[in-house]
Amino acid sequence: MADLKSRQLIYLKGFLFLMILLFAAGLILFETRSWQIAALLLLIVWSSARLYYFMFYVIEKYVDPEYKFAGIGSFLQYLLRKNQK
């Protein structure tokens, strides 16, 4: 499959991810009706976004400029290779 090049399709893809996130979180909150669960969901979303940013941006820009992010799997391989050296 080729990379997405259309700006409109890229924005649509991001919007659809947002809709999935809101729909799933809404269903969970509707089922539980708990402020604790709402806070935990918020922490999960925030921390997973920060982790993803760390994996592809922080490592490449500040730790190892030779590293090129290609997904979570490539980051795990990068960590394993670094630990073996």
N, C-alpha and C. Protein backbone atom coordinates (compact mmCIF):
# COMPACT_ATOMS: atom_id res chain seq x y z
N MET A 1 0.84 -1.17 0.00
CA MET A 1 0.00 0.00 0.00
C MET A 1 0.89 1.24 0.00
N ALA A 2 0.56 2.21 -0.83
CA ALA A 2 1.34 3.44 -0.94
C ALA A 2 1.04 4.39 0.23
N ASP A 3 1.97 5.30 0.49
CA ASP A 3 1.76 6.31 1.52
C ASP A 3 0.66 7.27 1.11
N LEU A 4 -0.07 7.76 2.09
CA LEU A 4 -1.10 8.76 1.84
C LEU A 4 -0.43 10.08 1.49
N LYS A 5 -0.85 10.71 0.42
CA LYS A 5 -0.25 11.97 -0.01
C LYS A 5 -1.25 13.13 0.06
N SER A 6 -2.52 12.82 0.00
CA SER A 6 -3.57 13.85 -0.02
C SER A 6 -3.74 14.45 1.37
N ARG A 7 -3.63 15.78 1.45
CA ARG A 7 -3.83 16.46 2.74
C ARG A 7 -5.22 16.20 3.29
N GLN A 8 -6.21 16.25 2.42
CA GLN A 8 -7.59 16.05 2.87
C GLN A 8 -7.78 14.66 3.45
N LEU A 9 -7.22 13.65 2.81
CA LEU A 9 -7.35 12.28 3.34
C LEU A 9 -6.57 12.11 4.65
N ILE A 10 -5.44 12.79 4.77
CA ILE A 10 -4.67 12.72 6.01
C ILE A 10 -5.47 13.34 7.16
N TYR A 11 -6.08 14.51 6.90
CA TYR A 11 -6.93 15.13 7.92
C TYR A 11 -8.14 14.27 8.24
N LEU A 12 -8.72 13.66 7.21
CA LEU A 12 -9.86 12.77 7.43
C LEU A 12 -9.46 11.59 8.31
N LYS A 13 -8.30 11.03 8.06
CA LYS A 13 -7.80 9.91 8.86
C LYS A 13 -7.63 10.33 10.32
N GLY A 14 -7.04 11.50 10.56
CA GLY A 14 -6.90 12.01 11.92
C GLY A 14 -8.24 12.24 12.59
N PHE A 15 -9.19 12.80 11.84
CA PHE A 15 -10.53 13.04 12.36
C PHE A 15 -11.22 11.73 12.72
N LEU A 16 -11.05 10.71 11.89
CA LEU A 16 -11.67 9.41 12.17
C LEU A 16 -11.05 8.77 13.42
N PHE A 17 -9.75 8.93 13.62
CA PHE A 17 -9.12 8.45 14.85
C PHE A 17 -9.71 9.16 16.06
N LEU A 18 -9.91 10.47 15.94
CA LEU A 18 -10.51 11.23 17.03
C LEU A 18 -11.93 10.74 17.32
N MET A 19 -12.69 10.45 16.29
CA MET A 19 -14.06 9.96 16.47
C MET A 19 -14.07 8.60 17.17
N ILE A 20 -13.16 7.72 16.78
CA ILE A 20 -13.05 6.41 17.45
C ILE A 20 -12.73 6.60 18.92
N LEU A 21 -11.76 7.48 19.21
CA LEU A 21 -11.37 7.74 20.60
C LEU A 21 -12.55 8.27 21.40
N LEU A 22 -13.25 9.27 20.88
CA LEU A 22 -14.38 9.85 21.60
C LEU A 22 -15.53 8.86 21.76
N PHE A 23 -15.80 8.08 20.74
CA PHE A 23 -16.89 7.11 20.79
C PHE A 23 -16.59 6.03 21.83
N ALA A 24 -15.37 5.50 21.80
CA ALA A 24 -14.99 4.44 22.75
C ALA A 24 -14.98 4.98 24.18
N ALA A 25 -14.40 6.16 24.37
CA ALA A 25 -14.39 6.75 25.71
C ALA A 25 -15.80 7.04 26.19
N GLY A 26 -16.64 7.54 25.29
CA GLY A 26 -18.03 7.81 25.65
C GLY A 26 -18.78 6.56 26.07
N LEU A 27 -18.57 5.47 25.35
CA LEU A 27 -19.22 4.21 25.71
C LEU A 27 -18.75 3.70 27.06
N ILE A 28 -17.45 3.80 27.31
CA ILE A 28 -16.92 3.36 28.60
C ILE A 28 -17.51 4.20 29.74
N LEU A 29 -17.53 5.52 29.54
CA LEU A 29 -18.07 6.40 30.58
C LEU A 29 -19.57 6.18 30.77
N PHE A 30 -20.28 5.93 29.68
CA PHE A 30 -21.72 5.65 29.78
C PHE A 30 -21.97 4.38 30.58
N GLU A 31 -21.14 3.37 30.37
CA GLU A 31 -21.29 2.10 31.09
C GLU A 31 -20.94 2.23 32.57
N THR A 32 -19.89 2.97 32.87
CA THR A 32 -19.41 3.01 34.26
C THR A 32 -19.95 4.19 35.06
N ARG A 33 -20.16 5.33 34.40
CA ARG A 33 -20.61 6.56 35.06
C ARG A 33 -19.74 6.88 36.29
N SER A 34 -18.43 6.85 36.07
CA SER A 34 -17.49 7.01 37.17
C SER A 34 -16.47 8.10 36.83
N TRP A 35 -16.27 9.03 37.77
CA TRP A 35 -15.25 10.05 37.58
C TRP A 35 -13.85 9.44 37.64
N GLN A 36 -13.71 8.39 38.43
CA GLN A 36 -12.41 7.71 38.51
C GLN A 36 -12.03 7.12 37.16
N ILE A 37 -12.97 6.46 36.52
CA ILE A 37 -12.70 5.87 35.19
C ILE A 37 -12.42 6.98 34.18
N ALA A 38 -13.14 8.09 34.26
CA ALA A 38 -12.91 9.21 33.35
C ALA A 38 -11.48 9.74 33.52
N ALA A 39 -11.03 9.89 34.76
CA ALA A 39 -9.68 10.36 35.01
C ALA A 39 -8.64 9.37 34.51
N LEU A 40 -8.89 8.08 34.71
CA LEU A 40 -7.95 7.06 34.23
C LEU A 40 -7.89 7.03 32.71
N LEU A 41 -9.03 7.18 32.06
CA LEU A 41 -9.05 7.25 30.59
C LEU A 41 -8.24 8.45 30.10
N LEU A 42 -8.44 9.58 30.75
CA LEU A 42 -7.70 10.78 30.38
C LEU A 42 -6.20 10.56 30.53
N LEU A 43 -5.78 9.93 31.62
CA LEU A 43 -4.36 9.63 31.81
C LEU A 43 -3.82 8.67 30.77
N ILE A 44 -4.62 7.67 30.41
CA ILE A 44 -4.19 6.71 29.39
C ILE A 44 -3.98 7.41 28.05
N VAL A 45 -4.94 8.22 27.65
CA VAL A 45 -4.83 8.92 26.36
C VAL A 45 -3.64 9.86 26.36
N TRP A 46 -3.50 10.65 27.42
CA TRP A 46 -2.41 11.63 27.49
C TRP A 46 -1.05 10.93 27.50
N SER A 47 -0.90 9.92 28.34
CA SER A 47 0.41 9.27 28.47
C SER A 47 0.78 8.46 27.22
N SER A 48 -0.19 7.86 26.56
CA SER A 48 0.14 7.11 25.34
C SER A 48 0.54 8.07 24.22
N ALA A 49 -0.09 9.25 24.16
CA ALA A 49 0.32 10.24 23.16
C ALA A 49 1.74 10.74 23.44
N ARG A 50 2.05 10.98 24.71
CA ARG A 50 3.39 11.43 25.06
C ARG A 50 4.44 10.35 24.79
N LEU A 51 4.10 9.09 25.05
CA LEU A 51 5.02 7.99 24.77
C LEU A 51 5.31 7.90 23.28
N TYR A 52 4.28 8.02 22.47
CA TYR A 52 4.45 7.95 21.02
C TYR A 52 5.34 9.10 20.55
N TYR A 53 5.12 10.31 21.06
CA TYR A 53 5.95 11.47 20.74
C TYR A 53 7.40 11.21 21.14
N PHE A 54 7.59 10.65 22.32
CA PHE A 54 8.93 10.33 22.80
C PHE A 54 9.62 9.35 21.85
N MET A 55 8.88 8.29 21.43
CA MET A 55 9.48 7.25 20.60
C MET A 55 9.93 7.79 19.26
N PHE A 56 9.15 8.68 18.65
CA PHE A 56 9.55 9.08 17.30
C PHE A 56 10.25 10.43 17.24
N TYR A 57 9.98 11.34 18.13
CA TYR A 57 10.58 12.67 18.01
C TYR A 57 11.76 12.87 18.96
N VAL A 58 11.58 12.61 20.21
CA VAL A 58 12.64 12.88 21.20
C VAL A 58 13.88 12.05 20.92
N ILE A 59 13.70 10.77 20.67
CA ILE A 59 14.87 9.91 20.41
C ILE A 59 15.60 10.39 19.16
N GLU A 60 14.86 10.67 18.09
CA GLU A 60 15.49 11.07 16.83
C GLU A 60 16.16 12.44 16.92
N LYS A 61 15.54 13.38 17.60
CA LYS A 61 16.07 14.76 17.63
C LYS A 61 17.11 15.00 18.72
N TYR A 62 16.99 14.34 19.87
CA TYR A 62 17.84 14.65 21.00
C TYR A 62 18.78 13.54 21.45
N VAL A 63 18.43 12.28 21.16
CA VAL A 63 19.23 11.17 21.67
C VAL A 63 20.09 10.55 20.58
N ASP A 64 19.50 10.21 19.44
CA ASP A 64 20.22 9.51 18.39
C ASP A 64 19.72 9.99 17.02
N PRO A 65 20.39 10.98 16.42
CA PRO A 65 19.94 11.52 15.14
C PRO A 65 19.95 10.50 13.99
N GLU A 66 20.65 9.40 14.15
CA GLU A 66 20.68 8.38 13.10
C GLU A 66 19.43 7.49 13.12
N TYR A 67 18.72 7.49 14.23
CA TYR A 67 17.51 6.67 14.37
C TYR A 67 16.38 7.29 13.56
N LYS A 68 15.69 6.47 12.76
CA LYS A 68 14.53 6.92 12.00
C LYS A 68 13.33 6.07 12.40
N PHE A 69 12.32 6.70 12.95
CA PHE A 69 11.14 6.01 13.46
C PHE A 69 10.32 5.44 12.32
N ALA A 70 9.94 4.18 12.44
CA ALA A 70 9.09 3.53 11.44
C ALA A 70 7.96 2.76 12.12
N GLY A 71 7.66 3.08 13.36
CA GLY A 71 6.60 2.39 14.08
C GLY A 71 7.08 1.89 15.43
N ILE A 72 6.13 1.40 16.20
CA ILE A 72 6.45 0.92 17.54
C ILE A 72 7.39 -0.28 17.48
N GLY A 73 7.18 -1.15 16.51
CA GLY A 73 8.05 -2.31 16.34
C GLY A 73 9.49 -1.90 16.08
N SER A 74 9.69 -0.89 15.24
CA SER A 74 11.06 -0.43 14.97
C SER A 74 11.69 0.18 16.21
N PHE A 75 10.89 0.83 17.06
CA PHE A 75 11.42 1.39 18.30
C PHE A 75 11.87 0.27 19.24
N LEU A 76 11.07 -0.79 19.33
CA LEU A 76 11.46 -1.92 20.19
C LEU A 76 12.73 -2.58 19.67
N GLN A 77 12.86 -2.72 18.35
CA GLN A 77 14.10 -3.26 17.77
C GLN A 77 15.28 -2.35 18.09
N TYR A 78 15.06 -1.05 17.99
CA TYR A 78 16.10 -0.07 18.32
C TYR A 78 16.58 -0.25 19.76
N LEU A 79 15.63 -0.39 20.69
CA LEU A 79 15.99 -0.58 22.09
C LEU A 79 16.78 -1.87 22.29
N LEU A 80 16.34 -2.95 21.64
CA LEU A 80 17.04 -4.24 21.79
C LEU A 80 18.46 -4.15 21.23
N ARG A 81 18.62 -3.49 20.08
CA ARG A 81 19.96 -3.34 19.50
C ARG A 81 20.85 -2.48 20.39
N LYS A 82 20.29 -1.43 20.98
CA LYS A 82 21.08 -0.56 21.88
C LYS A 82 21.53 -1.32 23.12
N ASN A 83 20.66 -2.19 23.65
CA ASN A 83 20.99 -2.96 24.85
C ASN A 83 22.04 -4.03 24.57
N GLN A 84 22.11 -4.54 23.34
CA GLN A 84 23.06 -5.58 23.00
C GLN A 84 24.48 -5.03 22.80
N LYS A 85 24.58 -3.73 22.53
CA LYS A 85 25.91 -3.13 22.28
C LYS A 85 26.64 -2.87 23.57
